[in-house]
Amino acid sequence: MAKRDYYEVLGLGRDASEAELKKAYRRLAMKYHPDRIQSQGLPPELLSAAEEKFKEISNAFEVLKCVVVNLLNQTQNKINNHLLLITF
């Protein structure tokens, strides 16, 4: 399987907020969760496709979550540094 854009996997734009990221992940995870799919009595080939989609969604969320958290931390550090300089 070719690597896809993680934002595309979650159906988000590149300017998505952390809240939008979580909301998109939860919506898709519920839709493709293996336990939920099994209870619908789907054929095995659709079950394995849903499991792969769930793994792809989970991976995209983990990567983007780390990126968003790092960006937020960097921004906060820059703000703190500027405030520190202003106070002296």
Protein backbone atom coordinates (compact mmCIF):
# COMPACT_ATOMS: atom_id res chain seq x y z
CA MET A 1 0.00 0.00 0.00
CA ALA A 2 1.35 3.40 -0.95
CA LYS A 3 1.79 6.01 1.75
CA ARG A 4 -0.98 8.58 1.71
CA ASP A 5 -1.13 12.04 3.14
CA TYR A 6 -2.15 11.67 6.77
CA TYR A 7 -4.50 14.63 6.57
CA GLU A 8 -6.18 13.01 3.57
CA VAL A 9 -6.55 9.73 5.46
CA LEU A 10 -8.49 11.54 8.19
CA GLY A 11 -10.38 13.75 5.72
CA LEU A 12 -8.91 16.97 7.11
CA GLY A 13 -7.33 20.11 5.74
CA ARG A 14 -3.78 21.05 6.66
CA ASP A 15 -5.07 23.83 8.91
CA ALA A 16 -7.07 21.45 11.13
CA SER A 17 -7.00 22.12 14.86
CA GLU A 18 -6.22 19.56 17.54
CA ALA A 19 -9.94 19.27 18.33
CA GLU A 20 -10.79 18.65 14.67
CA LEU A 21 -8.06 16.03 14.50
CA LYS A 22 -9.50 14.15 17.49
CA LYS A 23 -13.05 14.42 16.19
CA ALA A 24 -12.13 13.06 12.75
CA TYR A 25 -10.14 10.21 14.29
CA ARG A 26 -12.94 9.19 16.65
CA ARG A 27 -15.54 9.28 13.88
CA LEU A 28 -13.46 7.11 11.54
CA ALA A 29 -12.23 4.78 14.29
CA MET A 30 -15.81 4.02 15.27
CA LYS A 31 -16.72 3.37 11.65
CA TYR A 32 -13.81 0.99 10.93
CA HIS A 33 -13.12 -0.57 14.35
CA PRO A 34 -12.66 -4.35 13.91
CA ASP A 35 -14.96 -5.27 16.81
CA ARG A 36 -17.71 -3.08 15.46
CA ILE A 37 -17.30 -4.45 11.93
CA GLN A 38 -17.36 -8.07 13.14
CA SER A 39 -20.69 -7.52 14.84
CA GLN A 40 -22.17 -6.53 11.48
CA GLY A 41 -21.48 -9.97 10.04
CA LEU A 42 -19.48 -8.85 7.01
CA PRO A 43 -17.56 -11.29 4.79
CA PRO A 44 -13.90 -11.95 5.73
CA GLU A 45 -12.47 -9.95 2.81
CA LEU A 46 -14.37 -6.83 3.89
CA LEU A 47 -13.35 -7.46 7.48
CA SER A 48 -9.65 -7.50 6.60
CA ALA A 49 -10.04 -4.36 4.47
CA ALA A 50 -11.72 -2.59 7.39
CA GLU A 51 -8.92 -3.69 9.73
CA GLU A 52 -6.30 -2.26 7.36
CA LYS A 53 -8.25 0.99 7.11
CA PHE A 54 -8.45 1.15 10.93
CA LYS A 55 -4.67 0.66 11.19
CA GLU A 56 -4.09 3.40 8.61
CA ILE A 57 -6.42 5.79 10.48
CA SER A 58 -4.75 5.04 13.82
CA ASN A 59 -1.28 5.56 12.38
CA ALA A 60 -2.27 8.86 10.76
CA PHE A 61 -3.75 10.09 14.03
CA GLU A 62 -0.67 9.17 16.06
CA VAL A 63 1.69 10.91 13.65
CA LEU A 64 -0.42 14.06 13.31
CA LYS A 65 -1.07 14.21 17.06
CA CYS A 66 2.69 14.25 17.68
CA VAL A 67 3.17 16.95 15.06
CA VAL A 68 0.41 19.14 16.48
CA VAL A 69 1.62 18.74 20.08
CA ASN A 70 5.20 19.56 19.06
CA LEU A 71 4.07 22.66 17.19
CA LEU A 72 2.01 23.80 20.17
CA ASN A 73 4.97 23.26 22.50
CA GLN A 74 7.32 25.15 20.19
CA THR A 75 4.89 28.04 19.95
CA GLN A 76 4.46 28.15 23.72
CA ASN A 77 8.23 28.11 24.23
CA LYS A 78 8.67 31.01 21.80
CA ILE A 79 5.99 33.00 23.60
CA ASN A 80 7.59 32.28 26.96
CA ASN A 81 11.02 33.33 25.67
CA HIS A 82 9.65 36.59 24.29
CA LEU A 83 7.85 37.33 27.55
CA LEU A 84 11.01 36.59 29.47
CA LEU A 85 12.95 39.05 27.31
CA ILE A 86 10.29 41.72 27.71
CA THR A 87 10.29 41.48 31.51
CA PHE A 88 14.02 42.21 31.75
